Structures are given as C-alpha cells and as structure tokens.
C-alpha atoms as a PDB file:
ATOM      1  CA  MET A   1       8.558 -11.824  16.284  1.00  0.00           C
ATOM      2  CA  GLY A   2       8.126 -15.348  16.966  1.00  0.00           C
ATOM      3  CA  VAL A   3       5.213 -17.353  17.247  1.00  0.00           C
ATOM      4  CA  CYS A   4       4.787 -17.582  21.146  1.00  0.00           C
ATOM      5  CA  THR A   5       5.611 -13.731  21.306  1.00  0.00           C
ATOM      6  CA  MET A   6       2.926 -12.838  18.532  1.00  0.00           C
ATOM      7  CA  LEU A   7      -0.057 -14.742  20.054  1.00  0.00           C
ATOM      8  CA  ARG A   8       0.663 -13.550  23.459  1.00  0.00           C
ATOM      9  CA  THR A   9       0.131 -10.060  21.709  1.00  0.00           C
ATOM     10  CA  TYR A  10      -2.898 -10.996  19.614  1.00  0.00           C
ATOM     11  CA  VAL A  11      -4.791 -12.602  22.801  1.00  0.00           C
ATOM     12  CA  GLY A  12      -4.337  -9.518  24.561  1.00  0.00           C
ATOM     13  CA  LEU A  13      -5.744  -7.578  21.853  1.00  0.00           C
ATOM     14  CA  ILE A  14      -8.616  -9.807  21.148  1.00  0.00           C
ATOM     15  CA  LEU A  15      -9.456 -10.105  25.097  1.00  0.00           C
ATOM     16  CA  ALA A  16      -9.652  -6.920  25.092  1.00  0.00           C
ATOM     17  CA  ALA A  17     -11.753  -6.279  22.014  1.00  0.00           C
ATOM     18  CA  THR A  18     -14.300  -8.975  23.675  1.00  0.00           C
ATOM     19  CA  THR A  19     -14.583  -7.141  27.085  1.00  0.00           C
ATOM     20  CA  SER A  20     -15.798  -4.111  24.710  1.00  0.00           C
ATOM     21  CA  LEU A  21     -18.850  -5.667  22.835  1.00  0.00           C
ATOM     22  CA  SER A  22     -21.345  -3.479  24.309  1.00  0.00           C
ATOM     23  CA  SER A  23     -24.967  -2.198  24.034  1.00  0.00           C
ATOM     24  CA  ALA A  24     -23.281   1.041  22.079  1.00  0.00           C
ATOM     25  CA  SER A  25     -22.516  -1.170  19.094  1.00  0.00           C
ATOM     26  CA  GLU A  26     -25.347  -2.159  17.048  1.00  0.00           C
ATOM     27  CA  ILE A  27     -24.494  -5.626  16.391  1.00  0.00           C
ATOM     28  CA  GLY A  28     -21.420  -7.558  17.549  1.00  0.00           C
ATOM     29  CA  GLY A  29     -19.630 -10.936  18.667  1.00  0.00           C
ATOM     30  CA  VAL A  30     -17.119 -13.642  17.311  1.00  0.00           C
ATOM     31  CA  TYR A  31     -15.943 -14.517  14.363  1.00  0.00           C
ATOM     32  CA  MET A  32     -13.902 -17.727  12.631  1.00  0.00           C
ATOM     33  CA  GLU A  33     -13.099 -18.796   9.248  1.00  0.00           C
ATOM     34  CA  THR A  34     -10.931 -21.308   7.536  1.00  0.00           C
ATOM     35  CA  ARG A  35     -10.303 -21.691   3.983  1.00  0.00           C
ATOM     36  CA  THR A  36      -8.571 -24.481   1.828  1.00  0.00           C
ATOM     37  CA  CYS A  37      -5.180 -22.688   1.607  1.00  0.00           C
ATOM     38  CA  ALA A  38      -2.726 -21.155   4.770  1.00  0.00           C
ATOM     39  CA  VAL A  39      -3.263 -17.591   5.812  1.00  0.00           C
ATOM     40  CA  TYR A  40      -0.792 -18.171   8.450  1.00  0.00           C
ATOM     41  CA  THR A  41       2.392 -18.232   6.016  1.00  0.00           C
ATOM     42  CA  GLY A  42       5.103 -16.980   3.434  1.00  0.00           C
ATOM     43  CA  PRO A  43       5.436 -16.240   0.513  1.00  0.00           C
ATOM     44  CA  CYS A  44       7.217 -19.360  -0.292  1.00  0.00           C
ATOM     45  CA  PHE A  45       4.357 -21.302   0.668  1.00  0.00           C
ATOM     46  CA  ALA A  46       1.998 -19.034  -0.608  1.00  0.00           C
ATOM     47  CA  ASN A  47       3.091 -18.684  -4.237  1.00  0.00           C
ATOM     48  CA  ALA A  48       3.097 -22.590  -4.684  1.00  0.00           C
ATOM     49  CA  GLU A  49      -0.654 -22.882  -3.500  1.00  0.00           C
ATOM     50  CA  MET A  50      -1.714 -19.565  -5.417  1.00  0.00           C
ATOM     51  CA  GLY A  51      -4.447 -20.480  -8.253  1.00  0.00           C
ATOM     52  CA  LEU A  52      -4.243 -24.343  -7.035  1.00  0.00           C
ATOM     53  CA  THR A  53      -6.022 -24.267  -3.489  1.00  0.00           C
ATOM     54  CA  GLY A  54      -7.945 -21.801  -1.525  1.00  0.00           C
ATOM     55  CA  LYS A  55     -10.699 -21.552  -3.659  1.00  0.00           C
ATOM     56  CA  ASP A  56     -12.908 -22.837  -0.985  1.00  0.00           C
ATOM     57  CA  ALA A  57     -13.909 -21.274   2.475  1.00  0.00           C
ATOM     58  CA  ILE A  58     -16.091 -21.186   5.524  1.00  0.00           C
ATOM     59  CA  MET A  59     -17.075 -18.261   7.297  1.00  0.00           C
ATOM     60  CA  ALA A  60     -19.129 -18.230  10.794  1.00  0.00           C
ATOM     61  CA  TRP A  61     -20.174 -15.387  12.778  1.00  0.00           C
ATOM     62  CA  SER A  62     -21.596 -16.059  16.487  1.00  0.00           C
ATOM     63  CA  ILE A  63     -23.593 -12.981  17.289  1.00  0.00           C
ATOM     64  CA  GLU A  64     -23.501 -12.088  21.327  1.00  0.00           C
ATOM     65  CA  SER A  65     -25.390  -8.864  21.201  1.00  0.00           C
ATOM     66  CA  GLY A  66     -27.788  -6.473  19.191  1.00  0.00           C
ATOM     67  CA  ALA A  67     -30.031  -6.392  16.095  1.00  0.00           C
ATOM     68  CA  HIS A  68     -30.070  -6.610  12.265  1.00  0.00           C
ATOM     69  CA  ASP A  69     -32.467  -4.820  10.771  1.00  0.00           C
ATOM     70  CA  GLY A  70     -34.517  -3.951  13.881  1.00  0.00           C
ATOM     71  CA  VAL A  71     -34.646  -7.735  14.922  1.00  0.00           C
ATOM     72  CA  ASP A  72     -32.823  -9.107  17.966  1.00  0.00           C
ATOM     73  CA  VAL A  73     -30.320 -11.573  17.015  1.00  0.00           C
ATOM     74  CA  ALA A  74     -28.388 -12.079  19.844  1.00  0.00           C
ATOM     75  CA  GLY A  75     -27.310 -15.664  20.928  1.00  0.00           C
ATOM     76  CA  LEU A  76     -27.579 -16.988  17.159  1.00  0.00           C
ATOM     77  CA  ASN A  77     -25.104 -17.839  14.455  1.00  0.00           C
ATOM     78  CA  VAL A  78     -24.988 -17.905  10.861  1.00  0.00           C
ATOM     79  CA  VAL A  79     -22.630 -19.675   8.227  1.00  0.00           C
ATOM     80  CA  VAL A  80     -21.512 -18.982   4.716  1.00  0.00           C
ATOM     81  CA  VAL A  81     -19.795 -21.935   2.716  1.00  0.00           C
ATOM     82  CA  VAL A  82     -17.869 -20.345  -0.208  1.00  0.00           C
ATOM     83  CA  SER A  83     -16.983 -21.943  -3.539  1.00  0.00           C
ATOM     84  CA  ALA A  84     -14.917 -19.692  -6.260  1.00  0.00           C
ATOM     85  CA  ASN A  85     -12.864 -20.458  -9.218  1.00  0.00           C
ATOM     86  CA  GLN A  86      -9.697 -18.621  -7.897  1.00  0.00           C
ATOM     87  CA  THR A  87      -7.476 -18.935  -4.728  1.00  0.00           C
ATOM     88  CA  LEU A  88      -9.316 -16.182  -2.269  1.00  0.00           C
ATOM     89  CA  GLY A  89      -6.335 -14.290  -1.639  1.00  0.00           C
ATOM     90  CA  PHE A  90      -5.157 -10.554  -0.865  1.00  0.00           C
ATOM     91  CA  ARG A  91      -8.678  -9.367  -1.981  1.00  0.00           C
ATOM     92  CA  GLY A  92     -10.571 -12.331  -0.340  1.00  0.00           C
ATOM     93  CA  VAL A  93     -14.065 -13.128  -2.222  1.00  0.00           C
ATOM     94  CA  ASP A  94     -13.438 -10.310  -4.650  1.00  0.00           C
ATOM     95  CA  ASP A  95     -10.512 -12.172  -5.968  1.00  0.00           C
ATOM     96  CA  ALA A  96     -12.556 -14.560  -7.904  1.00  0.00           C
ATOM     97  CA  LYS A  97     -14.231 -14.248 -11.105  1.00  0.00           C
ATOM     98  CA  GLN A  98     -16.864 -16.695 -10.294  1.00  0.00           C
ATOM     99  CA  LEU A  99     -18.253 -17.385  -7.001  1.00  0.00           C
ATOM    100  CA  LYS A 100     -21.399 -19.233  -5.091  1.00  0.00           C
ATOM    101  CA  SER A 101     -22.217 -19.895  -1.657  1.00  0.00           C
ATOM    102  CA  LEU A 102     -24.318 -21.751   0.885  1.00  0.00           C
ATOM    103  CA  ILE A 103     -25.610 -20.147   3.839  1.00  0.00           C
ATOM    104  CA  LEU A 104     -26.401 -21.658   6.669  1.00  0.00           C
ATOM    105  CA  ILE A 105     -29.084 -20.364   9.151  1.00  0.00           C
ATOM    106  CA  ASP A 106     -29.562 -21.326  12.736  1.00  0.00           C
ATOM    107  CA  ASP A 107     -32.238 -23.601  13.569  1.00  0.00           C
ATOM    108  CA  ARG A 108     -33.051 -21.837  16.779  1.00  0.00           C
ATOM    109  CA  ALA A 109     -33.800 -18.673  14.970  1.00  0.00           C
ATOM    110  CA  ASN A 110     -37.712 -17.727  14.606  1.00  0.00           C
ATOM    111  CA  SER A 111     -38.936 -16.863  11.138  1.00  0.00           C
ATOM    112  CA  LEU A 112     -38.173 -13.083  11.416  1.00  0.00           C
ATOM    113  CA  GLN A 113     -34.604 -14.042  13.000  1.00  0.00           C
ATOM    114  CA  ARG A 114     -33.929 -16.140  10.098  1.00  0.00           C
ATOM    115  CA  GLN A 115     -34.838 -13.424   7.411  1.00  0.00           C
ATOM    116  CA  ALA A 116     -32.546 -11.308   9.568  1.00  0.00           C
ATOM    117  CA  LEU A 117     -29.461 -13.471   9.839  1.00  0.00           C
ATOM    118  CA  LEU A 118     -29.861 -14.055   5.924  1.00  0.00           C
ATOM    119  CA  SER A 119     -29.562 -10.620   5.566  1.00  0.00           C
ATOM    120  CA  PHE A 120     -26.799 -10.252   7.665  1.00  0.00           C
ATOM    121  CA  ALA A 121     -24.862 -12.659   5.892  1.00  0.00           C
ATOM    122  CA  ARG A 122     -25.578 -11.085   2.580  1.00  0.00           C
ATOM    123  CA  ASN A 123     -24.536  -7.661   4.226  1.00  0.00           C
ATOM    124  CA  HIS A 124     -21.362  -8.655   5.818  1.00  0.00           C
ATOM    125  CA  ALA A 125     -19.657 -11.907   3.660  1.00  0.00           C
ATOM    126  CA  GLY A 126     -19.738  -9.457   0.829  1.00  0.00           C
ATOM    127  CA  ARG A 127     -20.190 -11.018  -2.461  1.00  0.00           C
ATOM    128  CA  ALA A 128     -20.251 -14.552  -1.005  1.00  0.00           C
ATOM    129  CA  GLY A 129     -23.118 -13.400   0.605  1.00  0.00           C
ATOM    130  CA  LYS A 130     -25.008 -12.140  -2.454  1.00  0.00           C
ATOM    131  CA  SER A 131     -24.048 -15.119  -4.555  1.00  0.00           C
ATOM    132  CA  ALA A 132     -25.845 -17.786  -2.611  1.00  0.00           C
ATOM    133  CA  VAL A 133     -27.043 -20.762  -4.327  1.00  0.00           C
ATOM    134  CA  ARG A 134     -28.698 -22.530  -1.650  1.00  0.00           C
ATOM    135  CA  VAL A 135     -30.010 -21.345   2.141  1.00  0.00           C
ATOM    136  CA  ASP A 136     -30.683 -24.270   4.593  1.00  0.00           C
ATOM    137  CA  ILE A 137     -31.775 -23.849   8.035  1.00  0.00           C
ATOM    138  CA  ALA A 138     -29.018 -26.098  10.476  1.00  0.00           C
ATOM    139  CA  PRO A 139     -28.420 -26.704  14.007  1.00  0.00           C
ATOM    140  CA  ILE A 140     -25.513 -24.478  14.446  1.00  0.00           C
ATOM    141  CA  ARG A 141     -22.917 -24.461  17.510  1.00  0.00           C
ATOM    142  CA  MET A 142     -20.145 -22.444  17.614  1.00  0.00           C
ATOM    143  CA  THR A 143     -17.324 -21.888  20.781  1.00  0.00           C
ATOM    144  CA  LEU A 144     -13.994 -19.839  20.942  1.00  0.00           C
ATOM    145  CA  ASP A 145     -11.519 -19.958  23.413  1.00  0.00           C
ATOM    146  CA  PHE A 146      -9.236 -16.846  22.352  1.00  0.00           C
ATOM    147  CA  VAL A 147      -6.594 -17.832  25.014  1.00  0.00           C
ATOM    148  CA  ASN A 148      -5.881 -21.324  23.908  1.00  0.00           C
ATOM    149  CA  LEU A 149      -7.064 -20.652  20.068  1.00  0.00           C
ATOM    150  CA  LYS A 150      -9.293 -23.743  20.592  1.00  0.00           C
ATOM    151  CA  GLY A 151     -12.173 -22.995  18.653  1.00  0.00           C
ATOM    152  CA  HIS A 152     -15.113 -25.599  17.598  1.00  0.00           C
ATOM    153  CA  LEU A 153     -17.701 -24.690  14.633  1.00  0.00           C
ATOM    154  CA  LYS A 154     -20.417 -27.520  14.003  1.00  0.00           C
ATOM    155  CA  ALA A 155     -23.072 -26.763  11.406  1.00  0.00           C
ATOM    156  CA  GLY A 156     -25.086 -29.785  11.093  1.00  0.00           C
ATOM    157  CA  LYS A 157     -23.851 -32.757   9.305  1.00  0.00           C
ATOM    158  CA  VAL A 158     -22.267 -30.731   6.357  1.00  0.00           C
ATOM    159  CA  VAL A 159     -19.436 -28.090   8.333  1.00  0.00           C
ATOM    160  CA  THR A 160     -17.026 -28.829  10.802  1.00  0.00           C
ATOM    161  CA  LEU A 161     -14.037 -26.510  12.168  1.00  0.00           C
ATOM    162  CA  LYS A 162     -11.910 -27.178  15.010  1.00  0.00           C
ATOM    163  CA  SER A 163      -8.450 -25.147  15.705  1.00  0.00           C
ATOM    164  CA  ARG A 164      -5.634 -25.130  17.619  1.00  0.00           C
ATOM    165  CA  LYS A 165      -2.706 -22.864  18.225  1.00  0.00           C
ATOM    166  CA  THR A 166       0.209 -23.285  15.352  1.00  0.00           C
ATOM    167  CA  ARG A 167       2.995 -24.812  16.789  1.00  0.00           C
ATOM    168  CA  PRO A 168       6.676 -23.407  16.071  1.00  0.00           C
ATOM    169  CA  GLY A 169       7.544 -26.555  14.363  1.00  0.00           C
ATOM    170  CA  GLU A 170       4.904 -26.318  11.753  1.00  0.00           C
ATOM    171  CA  CYS A 171       6.241 -23.095  10.429  1.00  0.00           C
ATOM    172  CA  ILE A 172       7.830 -23.799   6.917  1.00  0.00           C
ATOM    173  CA  CYS A 173       9.087 -20.596   5.290  1.00  0.00           C
ATOM    174  CA  LYS A 174      10.233 -19.244   8.640  1.00  0.00           C
ATOM    175  CA  ASN A 175       9.260 -15.743   7.870  1.00  0.00           C
ATOM    176  CA  GLU A 176       5.363 -16.750   8.341  1.00  0.00           C
ATOM    177  CA  VAL A 177       2.713 -13.565   8.713  1.00  0.00           C
ATOM    178  CA  GLU A 178      -0.552 -13.268   8.162  1.00  0.00           C
ATOM    179  CA  TYR A 179       0.095 -13.518   4.761  1.00  0.00           C
ATOM    180  CA  TYR A 180      -3.876 -13.092   3.684  1.00  0.00           C
ATOM    181  CA  PRO A 181      -6.407 -10.845   5.648  1.00  0.00           C
ATOM    182  CA  PRO A 182      -9.392 -12.384   6.982  1.00  0.00           C
ATOM    183  CA  LEU A 183     -12.174 -12.684   4.356  1.00  0.00           C
ATOM    184  CA  ALA A 184     -14.972 -10.737   6.592  1.00  0.00           C
ATOM    185  CA  GLN A 185     -14.610  -7.315   7.926  1.00  0.00           C
ATOM    186  CA  VAL A 186     -13.354  -7.816  11.960  1.00  0.00           C
ATOM    187  CA  ASP A 187     -11.717  -5.687  14.285  1.00  0.00           C
ATOM    188  CA  GLN A 188      -9.287  -8.193  15.779  1.00  0.00           C
ATOM    189  CA  ALA A 189      -7.841 -11.539  14.426  1.00  0.00           C
ATOM    190  CA  ILE A 190      -5.215 -14.157  15.260  1.00  0.00           C
ATOM    191  CA  PRO A 191      -4.630 -17.137  12.943  1.00  0.00           C
ATOM    192  CA  ALA A 192      -4.676 -20.415  13.950  1.00  0.00           C
ATOM    193  CA  THR A 193      -4.202 -24.251  12.756  1.00  0.00           C
ATOM    194  CA  ALA A 194      -7.242 -26.609  11.869  1.00  0.00           C
ATOM    195  CA  GLU A 195      -7.468 -29.545  13.621  1.00  0.00           C
ATOM    196  CA  GLN A 196     -10.568 -30.262  11.645  1.00  0.00           C
ATOM    197  CA  GLY A 197     -12.025 -28.455   8.602  1.00  0.00           C
ATOM    198  CA  GLU A 198     -14.448 -29.662   6.238  1.00  0.00           C
ATOM    199  CA  PHE A 199     -17.450 -28.937   4.061  1.00  0.00           C
ATOM    200  CA  ARG A 200     -19.750 -31.972   3.396  1.00  0.00           C
ATOM    201  CA  GLY A 201     -22.857 -30.426   2.069  1.00  0.00           C
ATOM    202  CA  ARG A 202     -24.557 -30.137  -1.171  1.00  0.00           C
ATOM    203  CA  GLY A 203     -25.096 -27.576  -3.800  1.00  0.00           C
ATOM    204  CA  LEU A 204     -21.301 -26.056  -4.271  1.00  0.00           C
ATOM    205  CA  GLY A 205     -20.379 -28.662  -6.443  1.00  0.00           C
ATOM    206  CA  ARG A 206     -17.403 -30.115  -4.499  1.00  0.00           C
ATOM    207  CA  ARG A 207     -16.638 -31.184  -0.911  1.00  0.00           C
ATOM    208  CA  TRP A 208     -13.126 -30.723   0.837  1.00  0.00           C
ATOM    209  CA  SER A 209     -11.104 -31.206   4.230  1.00  0.00           C
ATOM    210  CA  THR A 210      -8.089 -29.742   5.313  1.00  0.00           C
ATOM    211  CA  PRO A 211      -6.841 -31.081   8.417  1.00  0.00           C
ATOM    212  CA  GLY A 212      -3.824 -29.432   9.888  1.00  0.00           C
ATOM    213  CA  ALA A 213      -3.650 -26.437   7.683  1.00  0.00           C
ATOM    214  CA  ARG A 214      -2.551 -22.969   9.061  1.00  0.00           C
ATOM    215  CA  SER A 215      -5.782 -21.960   7.499  1.00  0.00           C
ATOM    216  CA  VAL A 216      -7.888 -20.207  10.495  1.00  0.00           C
ATOM    217  CA  TYR A 217      -8.990 -16.930  11.403  1.00  0.00           C
ATOM    218  CA  MET A 218     -10.399 -16.343  14.964  1.00  0.00           C
ATOM    219  CA  GLY A 219     -11.857 -13.080  15.648  1.00  0.00           C
ATOM    220  CA  THR A 220     -14.256 -10.207  17.026  1.00  0.00           C
ATOM    221  CA  PHE A 221     -16.676  -8.031  15.325  1.00  0.00           C
ATOM    222  CA  ILE A 222     -18.753  -4.957  15.906  1.00  0.00           C
ATOM    223  CA  TYR A 223     -20.804  -3.584  12.933  1.00  0.00           C
END
C-alpha cells in the first residue's frame, strides 16, 4: 500500500473514531507521542537504530470528555516524558530494564483534577507512569488535525512537538510499515513525521531533539 493510500485509509478511521467519543465511554480524547527512533520504517532502518536510539519518548493525552477516579477532567492534558536504558521497541516501555519518567500536569487543573491526572498517567502510561522521578505543573496546549496530520504539543518550556505528513520521498527502506506499536493503548493511530520534537527539561539526565524523524503517532483513546 502506498503512503498516500495508507494515509487516506487511516484518516478515515481516525475521523470515525473521534466522532464516536461519547458519554457512553468513561473517558476519551486524543493522543500524541514521539520517540527518538523511527516508528514508521522498515527492518533495515529499525535494525540499525536498535540499541542506539529510541530510548526516550514523549506521551501526551488531551482528554475531551469523561472523568477519572470520579473527577471530571474534560478539557485537560497530561504529558509523560520517558527515559530508558534500551530502545522502546515492540514491547514499548516494557522493553527497558531501567526506566524513569517526568509527568507534566495541566496548570489549569484544580487540586482534585491534578491528583486525578496524575493517577490517569500512572494507569495509562504503563511502567513509565509508575516510574516518575518528578511531577511538575505546566501550561500544556495540544491540538491535532487528523486530516493534514498536523499536531502541536507545547508543555511549558520543556516539551515541544510538531508533526506533519510523511512524504513519499522520505521513505528509506521502501517497505515502510508501522514497525513499532504506540507506547500507549489507543483505539486508532496514524504515523507522522516530527517537524520538531524535543525535550529540554530536568530530572531525566538528558535532553534531546529529533527534527525530521518518522517518529510520531497521533490517535484516539477511549478508556
């Protein structure tokens, strides 16, 4: 399947999923992630990166409706920044023997909502959510355009992520697929390219930037 055909198929699924977010679900919204290795790639490229890159990631949820632990968190965001000692590959955060994370909580949340968002991150980011060495409050803004695959995430001065469609000329192996699954449980996800993807915060021992990497997933979730 060509890149353009694949994108049209994915976009149709994503748009259908976003319209299905309803009160029937406990909590739902949109999700975005990037990591320091390609996720839309082929084995030739992935094998070259294995063990060298892909040890860092950003996971972000924008909650559109619902509650967590009985607290309404609609309209709020939470971000988990992950740092591991191994490539976050086929098993995601479970691939790493050593793992630590930073959790960023939306500064618009009140005290109860902050606790609920922290619990949400610990529940839905897997081991990454349970391995936090630091929790900070920050202004978080996140918008996703699934038609054009333009996503924008900004969390204070420490996290920036902007995405765009992957261009056919950027395919290296010529047999690219979604090589690694998303790090979080999502209903539908589509890969994209990071125009800008960077972490400039403290607490994890390193900072990073991966412009131009085919490292982004945009998707929807209903938990």
